[in-house]
C-alpha atoms as a PDB file:
ATOM      1  CA  UNK A   1    -174.352-111.553  25.404  1.00  0.00           C
ATOM      2  CA  UNK A   2    -173.058-108.283  26.867  1.00  0.00           C
ATOM      3  CA  UNK A   3    -176.548-106.762  26.972  1.00  0.00           C
ATOM      4  CA  UNK A   4    -178.010-109.834  28.665  1.00  0.00           C
ATOM      5  CA  UNK A   5    -175.238-109.789  31.233  1.00  0.00           C
ATOM      6  CA  UNK A   6    -175.921-106.112  31.987  1.00  0.00           C
ATOM      7  CA  UNK A   7    -179.602-106.954  32.512  1.00  0.00           C
ATOM      8  CA  UNK A   8    -178.641-109.947  34.682  1.00  0.00           C
ATOM      9  CA  UNK A   9    -180.595-112.231  32.323  1.00  0.00           C
ATOM     10  CA  UNK A  10    -177.683-114.155  30.832  1.00  0.00           C
ATOM     11  CA  UNK A  11    -178.630-117.518  32.328  1.00  0.00           C
ATOM     12  CA  UNK A  12    -182.181-117.239  30.972  1.00  0.00           C
ATOM     13  CA  UNK A  13    -180.926-117.485  27.396  1.00  0.00           C
ATOM     14  CA  UNK A  14    -177.683-119.491  27.437  1.00  0.00           C
ATOM     15  CA  UNK A  15    -177.082-122.869  28.997  1.00  0.00           C
ATOM     16  CA  UNK A  16    -173.661-123.961  30.206  1.00  0.00           C
ATOM     17  CA  UNK A  17    -173.386-126.534  27.420  1.00  0.00           C
ATOM     18  CA  UNK A  18    -174.208-123.914  24.774  1.00  0.00           C
ATOM     19  CA  UNK A  19    -171.397-121.685  26.049  1.00  0.00           C
ATOM     20  CA  UNK A  20    -168.952-124.592  25.942  1.00  0.00           C
ATOM     21  CA  UNK A  21    -170.063-125.335  22.371  1.00  0.00           C
ATOM     22  CA  UNK A  22    -169.654-121.720  21.217  1.00  0.00           C
ATOM     23  CA  UNK A  23    -166.250-121.509  22.878  1.00  0.00           C
ATOM     24  CA  UNK A  24    -165.088-124.676  21.095  1.00  0.00           C
ATOM     25  CA  UNK A  25    -166.197-123.421  17.675  1.00  0.00           C
ATOM     26  CA  UNK A  26    -164.567-120.027  18.301  1.00  0.00           C
ATOM     27  CA  UNK A  27    -161.288-121.626  19.321  1.00  0.00           C
ATOM     28  CA  UNK A  28    -161.278-123.815  16.196  1.00  0.00           C
ATOM     29  CA  UNK A  29    -162.044-120.815  13.965  1.00  0.00           C
ATOM     30  CA  UNK A  30    -159.424-118.524  15.501  1.00  0.00           C
ATOM     31  CA  UNK A  31    -156.672-121.124  15.175  1.00  0.00           C
ATOM     32  CA  UNK A  32    -157.663-121.882  11.570  1.00  0.00           C
ATOM     33  CA  UNK A  33    -157.650-118.149  10.691  1.00  0.00           C
ATOM     34  CA  UNK A  34    -154.208-117.743  12.256  1.00  0.00           C
ATOM     35  CA  UNK A  35    -152.806-120.698  10.328  1.00  0.00           C
ATOM     36  CA  UNK A  36    -154.249-119.694   6.954  1.00  0.00           C
ATOM     37  CA  UNK A  37    -154.441-115.918   6.875  1.00  0.00           C
ATOM     38  CA  UNK A  38    -152.161-114.405   9.529  1.00  0.00           C
ATOM     39  CA  UNK A  39    -148.834-112.918   8.454  1.00  0.00           C
ATOM     40  CA  UNK A  40    -146.639-110.727  10.662  1.00  0.00           C
ATOM     41  CA  UNK A  41    -149.412-110.425  13.229  1.00  0.00           C
ATOM     42  CA  UNK A  42    -152.152-109.315  10.816  1.00  0.00           C
ATOM     43  CA  UNK A  43    -154.934-111.036   8.887  1.00  0.00           C
ATOM     44  CA  UNK A  44    -154.323-110.624   5.155  1.00  0.00           C
ATOM     45  CA  UNK A  45    -157.124-110.801   2.582  1.00  0.00           C
ATOM     46  CA  UNK A  46    -156.907-111.248  -1.174  1.00  0.00           C
ATOM     47  CA  UNK A  47    -158.362-108.891  -3.765  1.00  0.00           C
ATOM     48  CA  UNK A  48    -162.158-108.528  -3.806  1.00  0.00           C
ATOM     49  CA  UNK A  49    -162.641-110.505  -0.582  1.00  0.00           C
ATOM     50  CA  UNK A  50    -163.974-107.791   1.728  1.00  0.00           C
ATOM     51  CA  UNK A  51    -167.501-106.434   1.951  1.00  0.00           C
ATOM     52  CA  UNK A  52    -167.012-103.259  -0.121  1.00  0.00           C
ATOM     53  CA  UNK A  53    -164.592-104.253  -2.897  1.00  0.00           C
ATOM     54  CA  UNK A  54    -165.633-102.994  -6.307  1.00  0.00           C
ATOM     55  CA  UNK A  55    -164.163-103.960  -9.652  1.00  0.00           C
ATOM     56  CA  UNK A  56    -164.773-101.866 -12.752  1.00  0.00           C
ATOM     57  CA  UNK A  57    -162.914-103.029 -15.854  1.00  0.00           C
ATOM     58  CA  UNK A  58    -162.849 -99.775 -17.824  1.00  0.00           C
ATOM     59  CA  UNK A  59    -161.013 -97.008 -15.987  1.00  0.00           C
ATOM     60  CA  UNK A  60    -159.393 -95.477 -19.069  1.00  0.00           C
ATOM     61  CA  UNK A  61    -161.404 -92.299 -18.679  1.00  0.00           C
ATOM     62  CA  UNK A  62    -160.511 -91.838 -15.000  1.00  0.00           C
ATOM     63  CA  UNK A  63    -157.485 -89.908 -13.785  1.00  0.00           C
ATOM     64  CA  UNK A  64    -154.877 -92.528 -12.990  1.00  0.00           C
ATOM     65  CA  UNK A  65    -156.835 -94.954 -15.170  1.00  0.00           C
ATOM     66  CA  UNK A  66    -156.147 -98.654 -14.910  1.00  0.00           C
ATOM     67  CA  UNK A  67    -156.378 -98.671 -11.105  1.00  0.00           C
ATOM     68  CA  UNK A  68    -158.936-100.955  -9.461  1.00  0.00           C
ATOM     69  CA  UNK A  69    -160.253-100.797  -5.922  1.00  0.00           C
ATOM     70  CA  UNK A  70    -159.396-104.366  -4.925  1.00  0.00           C
ATOM     71  CA  UNK A  71    -158.480-103.709  -1.264  1.00  0.00           C
ATOM     72  CA  UNK A  72    -156.084-106.658  -1.113  1.00  0.00           C
ATOM     73  CA  UNK A  73    -153.767-106.705   1.899  1.00  0.00           C
ATOM     74  CA  UNK A  74    -154.214-105.783   5.562  1.00  0.00           C
ATOM     75  CA  UNK A  75    -157.507-103.974   6.238  1.00  0.00           C
ATOM     76  CA  UNK A  76    -158.793-102.378   9.429  1.00  0.00           C
ATOM     77  CA  UNK A  77    -162.242-103.989   9.656  1.00  0.00           C
ATOM     78  CA  UNK A  78    -160.790-107.472   9.115  1.00  0.00           C
ATOM     79  CA  UNK A  79    -158.383-106.979  12.035  1.00  0.00           C
ATOM     80  CA  UNK A  80    -161.153-105.775  14.344  1.00  0.00           C
ATOM     81  CA  UNK A  81    -163.350-108.722  13.341  1.00  0.00           C
ATOM     82  CA  UNK A  82    -160.695-111.065  14.718  1.00  0.00           C
ATOM     83  CA  UNK A  83    -160.198-108.860  17.781  1.00  0.00           C
ATOM     84  CA  UNK A  84    -163.938-109.155  18.411  1.00  0.00           C
ATOM     85  CA  UNK A  85    -163.679-112.937  18.210  1.00  0.00           C
ATOM     86  CA  UNK A  86    -160.776-112.901  20.668  1.00  0.00           C
ATOM     87  CA  UNK A  87    -162.692-110.663  23.075  1.00  0.00           C
ATOM     88  CA  UNK A  88    -165.656-113.059  22.945  1.00  0.00           C
ATOM     89  CA  UNK A  89    -163.629-116.212  23.566  1.00  0.00           C
ATOM     90  CA  UNK A  90    -161.876-114.512  26.473  1.00  0.00           C
ATOM     91  CA  UNK A  91    -165.242-113.503  27.912  1.00  0.00           C
ATOM     92  CA  UNK A  92    -166.466-117.097  27.571  1.00  0.00           C
ATOM     93  CA  UNK A  93    -163.285-118.425  29.172  1.00  0.00           C
ATOM     94  CA  UNK A  94    -163.887-116.112  32.104  1.00  0.00           C
ATOM     95  CA  UNK A  95    -167.532-117.163  32.416  1.00  0.00           C
ATOM     96  CA  UNK A  96    -166.630-120.847  32.275  1.00  0.00           C
ATOM     97  CA  UNK A  97    -163.643-120.705  34.611  1.00  0.00           C
ATOM     98  CA  UNK A  98    -163.987-122.827  37.743  1.00  0.00           C
ATOM     99  CA  UNK A  99    -167.141-124.453  36.366  1.00  0.00           C
ATOM    100  CA  UNK A 100    -167.369-128.249  36.463  1.00  0.00           C
ATOM    101  CA  UNK A 101    -167.877-130.189  33.263  1.00  0.00           C
ATOM    102  CA  UNK A 102    -168.192-133.894  32.616  1.00  0.00           C
ATOM    103  CA  UNK A 103    -165.287-135.588  30.838  1.00  0.00           C
ATOM    104  CA  UNK A 104    -165.098-139.354  30.439  1.00  0.00           C
ATOM    105  CA  UNK A 105    -167.710-139.823  33.139  1.00  0.00           C
ATOM    106  CA  UNK A 106    -165.945-137.617  35.704  1.00  0.00           C
ATOM    107  CA  UNK A 107    -166.504-134.007  36.771  1.00  0.00           C
ATOM    108  CA  UNK A 108    -163.492-131.793  36.107  1.00  0.00           C
ATOM    109  CA  UNK A 109    -162.853-128.050  36.038  1.00  0.00           C
ATOM    110  CA  UNK A 110    -163.384-126.385  32.662  1.00  0.00           C
ATOM    111  CA  UNK A 111    -160.099-125.480  31.035  1.00  0.00           C
ATOM    112  CA  UNK A 112    -159.187-121.808  31.357  1.00  0.00           C
ATOM    113  CA  UNK A 113    -156.633-120.820  28.745  1.00  0.00           C
ATOM    114  CA  UNK A 114    -154.807-117.473  28.813  1.00  0.00           C
ATOM    115  CA  UNK A 115    -153.333-117.801  25.320  1.00  0.00           C
ATOM    116  CA  UNK A 116    -156.151-115.785  23.755  1.00  0.00           C
ATOM    117  CA  UNK A 117    -155.912-113.072  26.414  1.00  0.00           C
ATOM    118  CA  UNK A 118    -152.301-112.521  25.433  1.00  0.00           C
ATOM    119  CA  UNK A 119    -153.107-112.731  21.717  1.00  0.00           C
ATOM    120  CA  UNK A 120    -155.917-110.164  22.000  1.00  0.00           C
ATOM    121  CA  UNK A 121    -153.686-107.682  23.826  1.00  0.00           C
ATOM    122  CA  UNK A 122    -150.742-108.202  21.468  1.00  0.00           C
ATOM    123  CA  UNK A 123    -152.940-107.773  18.406  1.00  0.00           C
ATOM    124  CA  UNK A 124    -154.745-104.744  19.858  1.00  0.00           C
ATOM    125  CA  UNK A 125    -151.421-102.997  20.469  1.00  0.00           C
ATOM    126  CA  UNK A 126    -150.062-104.057  17.066  1.00  0.00           C
ATOM    127  CA  UNK A 127    -153.134-102.796  15.176  1.00  0.00           C
ATOM    128  CA  UNK A 128    -153.216 -99.562  17.143  1.00  0.00           C
ATOM    129  CA  UNK A 129    -149.523 -98.819  16.611  1.00  0.00           C
ATOM    130  CA  UNK A 130    -149.719 -99.616  12.884  1.00  0.00           C
ATOM    131  CA  UNK A 131    -153.058 -98.099  11.863  1.00  0.00           C
ATOM    132  CA  UNK A 132    -153.291 -95.004  14.095  1.00  0.00           C
ATOM    133  CA  UNK A 133    -151.262 -91.906  13.243  1.00  0.00           C
ATOM    134  CA  UNK A 134    -151.348 -88.119  13.554  1.00  0.00           C
ATOM    135  CA  UNK A 135    -152.105 -85.881  10.596  1.00  0.00           C
ATOM    136  CA  UNK A 136    -152.275 -82.103  10.953  1.00  0.00           C
ATOM    137  CA  UNK A 137    -152.383 -82.569  14.718  1.00  0.00           C
ATOM    138  CA  UNK A 138    -155.365 -84.954  14.700  1.00  0.00           C
ATOM    139  CA  UNK A 139    -155.648 -88.717  14.937  1.00  0.00           C
ATOM    140  CA  UNK A 140    -156.365 -90.630  11.737  1.00  0.00           C
ATOM    141  CA  UNK A 141    -157.019 -94.365  11.398  1.00  0.00           C
ATOM    142  CA  UNK A 142    -155.725 -96.030   8.253  1.00  0.00           C
ATOM    143  CA  UNK A 143    -158.007 -98.159   6.123  1.00  0.00           C
ATOM    144  CA  UNK A 144    -155.086-100.468   5.310  1.00  0.00           C
ATOM    145  CA  UNK A 145    -151.347-100.850   5.670  1.00  0.00           C
ATOM    146  CA  UNK A 146    -150.549-102.721   2.471  1.00  0.00           C
ATOM    147  CA  UNK A 147    -151.969-103.112  -0.986  1.00  0.00           C
ATOM    148  CA  UNK A 148    -153.330-100.609  -3.463  1.00  0.00           C
ATOM    149  CA  UNK A 149    -154.802 -97.358  -2.074  1.00  0.00           C
ATOM    150  CA  UNK A 150    -154.071 -98.511   1.482  1.00  0.00           C
ATOM    151  CA  UNK A 151    -154.137 -95.011   2.959  1.00  0.00           C
ATOM    152  CA  UNK A 152    -157.304 -93.790   1.247  1.00  0.00           C
ATOM    153  CA  UNK A 153    -160.005 -92.674   3.700  1.00  0.00           C
ATOM    154  CA  UNK A 154    -163.035 -94.979   3.776  1.00  0.00           C
ATOM    155  CA  UNK A 155    -165.962 -95.633   6.150  1.00  0.00           C
ATOM    156  CA  UNK A 156    -164.523 -98.932   7.388  1.00  0.00           C
ATOM    157  CA  UNK A 157    -163.289 -97.159  10.507  1.00  0.00           C
ATOM    158  CA  UNK A 158    -166.930 -96.909  11.650  1.00  0.00           C
ATOM    159  CA  UNK A 159    -167.258-100.684  11.291  1.00  0.00           C
ATOM    160  CA  UNK A 160    -163.998-101.071  13.237  1.00  0.00           C
ATOM    161  CA  UNK A 161    -165.449 -98.994  16.081  1.00  0.00           C
ATOM    162  CA  UNK A 162    -168.652-101.039  16.141  1.00  0.00           C
ATOM    163  CA  UNK A 163    -166.710-104.313  16.180  1.00  0.00           C
ATOM    164  CA  UNK A 164    -163.988-103.394  18.658  1.00  0.00           C
ATOM    165  CA  UNK A 165    -164.338 -99.976  20.361  1.00  0.00           C
ATOM    166  CA  UNK A 166    -161.560-100.915  22.812  1.00  0.00           C
ATOM    167  CA  UNK A 167    -158.998-100.299  20.060  1.00  0.00           C
ATOM    168  CA  UNK A 168    -158.865 -96.545  20.793  1.00  0.00           C
ATOM    169  CA  UNK A 169    -159.899 -94.152  23.536  1.00  0.00           C
ATOM    170  CA  UNK A 170    -163.120 -92.130  23.168  1.00  0.00           C
ATOM    171  CA  UNK A 171    -161.109 -88.987  22.437  1.00  0.00           C
ATOM    172  CA  UNK A 172    -159.076 -90.743  19.758  1.00  0.00           C
ATOM    173  CA  UNK A 173    -162.204 -92.153  18.112  1.00  0.00           C
ATOM    174  CA  UNK A 174    -163.742 -88.644  18.062  1.00  0.00           C
ATOM    175  CA  UNK A 175    -160.766 -87.210  16.205  1.00  0.00           C
ATOM    176  CA  UNK A 176    -160.678 -90.175  13.822  1.00  0.00           C
ATOM    177  CA  UNK A 177    -164.388 -89.729  13.023  1.00  0.00           C
ATOM    178  CA  UNK A 178    -164.086 -85.965  12.526  1.00  0.00           C
ATOM    179  CA  UNK A 179    -161.210 -86.441  10.103  1.00  0.00           C
ATOM    180  CA  UNK A 180    -163.043 -89.154   8.139  1.00  0.00           C
ATOM    181  CA  UNK A 181    -166.406 -87.369   7.956  1.00  0.00           C
ATOM    182  CA  UNK A 182    -164.762 -84.341   6.407  1.00  0.00           C
ATOM    183  CA  UNK A 183    -163.664 -86.518   3.468  1.00  0.00           C
ATOM    184  CA  UNK A 184    -166.602 -88.928   3.217  1.00  0.00           C
ATOM    185  CA  UNK A 185    -169.792 -87.017   4.024  1.00  0.00           C
ATOM    186  CA  UNK A 186    -172.168 -86.389   1.097  1.00  0.00           C
ATOM    187  CA  UNK A 187    -175.086 -83.965   1.395  1.00  0.00           C
ATOM    188  CA  UNK A 188    -177.666 -85.902  -0.563  1.00  0.00           C
ATOM    189  CA  UNK A 189    -181.263 -84.716  -0.730  1.00  0.00           C
ATOM    190  CA  UNK A 190    -182.333 -87.741   1.340  1.00  0.00           C
ATOM    191  CA  UNK A 191    -180.432 -86.355   4.321  1.00  0.00           C
ATOM    192  CA  UNK A 192    -176.841 -87.216   3.543  1.00  0.00           C
ATOM    193  CA  UNK A 193    -174.593 -90.241   3.936  1.00  0.00           C
ATOM    194  CA  UNK A 194    -171.113 -91.647   3.477  1.00  0.00           C
ATOM    195  CA  UNK A 195    -169.242 -92.323   0.271  1.00  0.00           C
ATOM    196  CA  UNK A 196    -167.274 -95.602   0.144  1.00  0.00           C
ATOM    197  CA  UNK A 197    -164.084 -93.765  -0.820  1.00  0.00           C
ATOM    198  CA  UNK A 198    -162.748 -90.255  -0.153  1.00  0.00           C
ATOM    199  CA  UNK A 199    -164.417 -87.639  -2.352  1.00  0.00           C
ATOM    200  CA  UNK A 200    -161.044 -86.277  -3.506  1.00  0.00           C
ATOM    201  CA  UNK A 201    -159.883 -89.682  -4.801  1.00  0.00           C
ATOM    202  CA  UNK A 202    -159.725 -90.302  -8.594  1.00  0.00           C
ATOM    203  CA  UNK A 203    -161.986 -93.352  -8.302  1.00  0.00           C
ATOM    204  CA  UNK A 204    -164.742 -91.449  -6.491  1.00  0.00           C
ATOM    205  CA  UNK A 205    -167.895 -91.053  -8.610  1.00  0.00           C
ATOM    206  CA  UNK A 206    -170.468 -88.410  -7.664  1.00  0.00           C
ATOM    207  CA  UNK A 207    -173.159 -90.095  -9.780  1.00  0.00           C
ATOM    208  CA  UNK A 208    -174.145 -93.753 -10.128  1.00  0.00           C
ATOM    209  CA  UNK A 209    -175.613 -95.043 -13.386  1.00  0.00           C
ATOM    210  CA  UNK A 210    -177.137 -98.173 -11.894  1.00  0.00           C
ATOM    211  CA  UNK A 211    -175.737-100.080 -14.868  1.00  0.00           C
ATOM    212  CA  UNK A 212    -172.259-101.088 -13.718  1.00  0.00           C
ATOM    213  CA  UNK A 213    -169.879-100.957 -10.757  1.00  0.00           C
ATOM    214  CA  UNK A 214    -168.439 -97.579 -11.697  1.00  0.00           C
END
């Protein structure tokens, strides 16, 4: 939607009724998420509910054995997913404001709610203040604020940036990335890539057997 708007081709691909439909579904979803999963201003997930959770049932041979990477609690990419939804519904509200729609046979102005504008700003500030901190003079973005291994460095901050870059300034994101890459980057012979957990963490495995989640 943003790209089409920049190219001034938005109206070629989306009708007014489609935008109203998307807005209605978004509003329903956001309210349902708030009612079911929001606690103290954050979305809370259970164990093994996010995209990268891994369970391995035999950690006896690992330092700190018995620990499992469940990622239950408050996680950065889940918060930015909701922030992205809020940004979209606010954009749609703005696009639809002052437009006429038909209700009960009469033309009326489309409703323009500000509740999600306030919610987006409140949540943005809350996430920023809770997840962002300074370490050795540089900005670091937490992976989580509750649950097991909440402070362990992971690549979810890159997903957070993709989903909601407005969370931090460009300078802050740069420092956050530099700090994370130092702990996550692996020089593989295929050109390198990111580990899913900091290389200095007890659960990090330098080799993968292909046989189990370890």
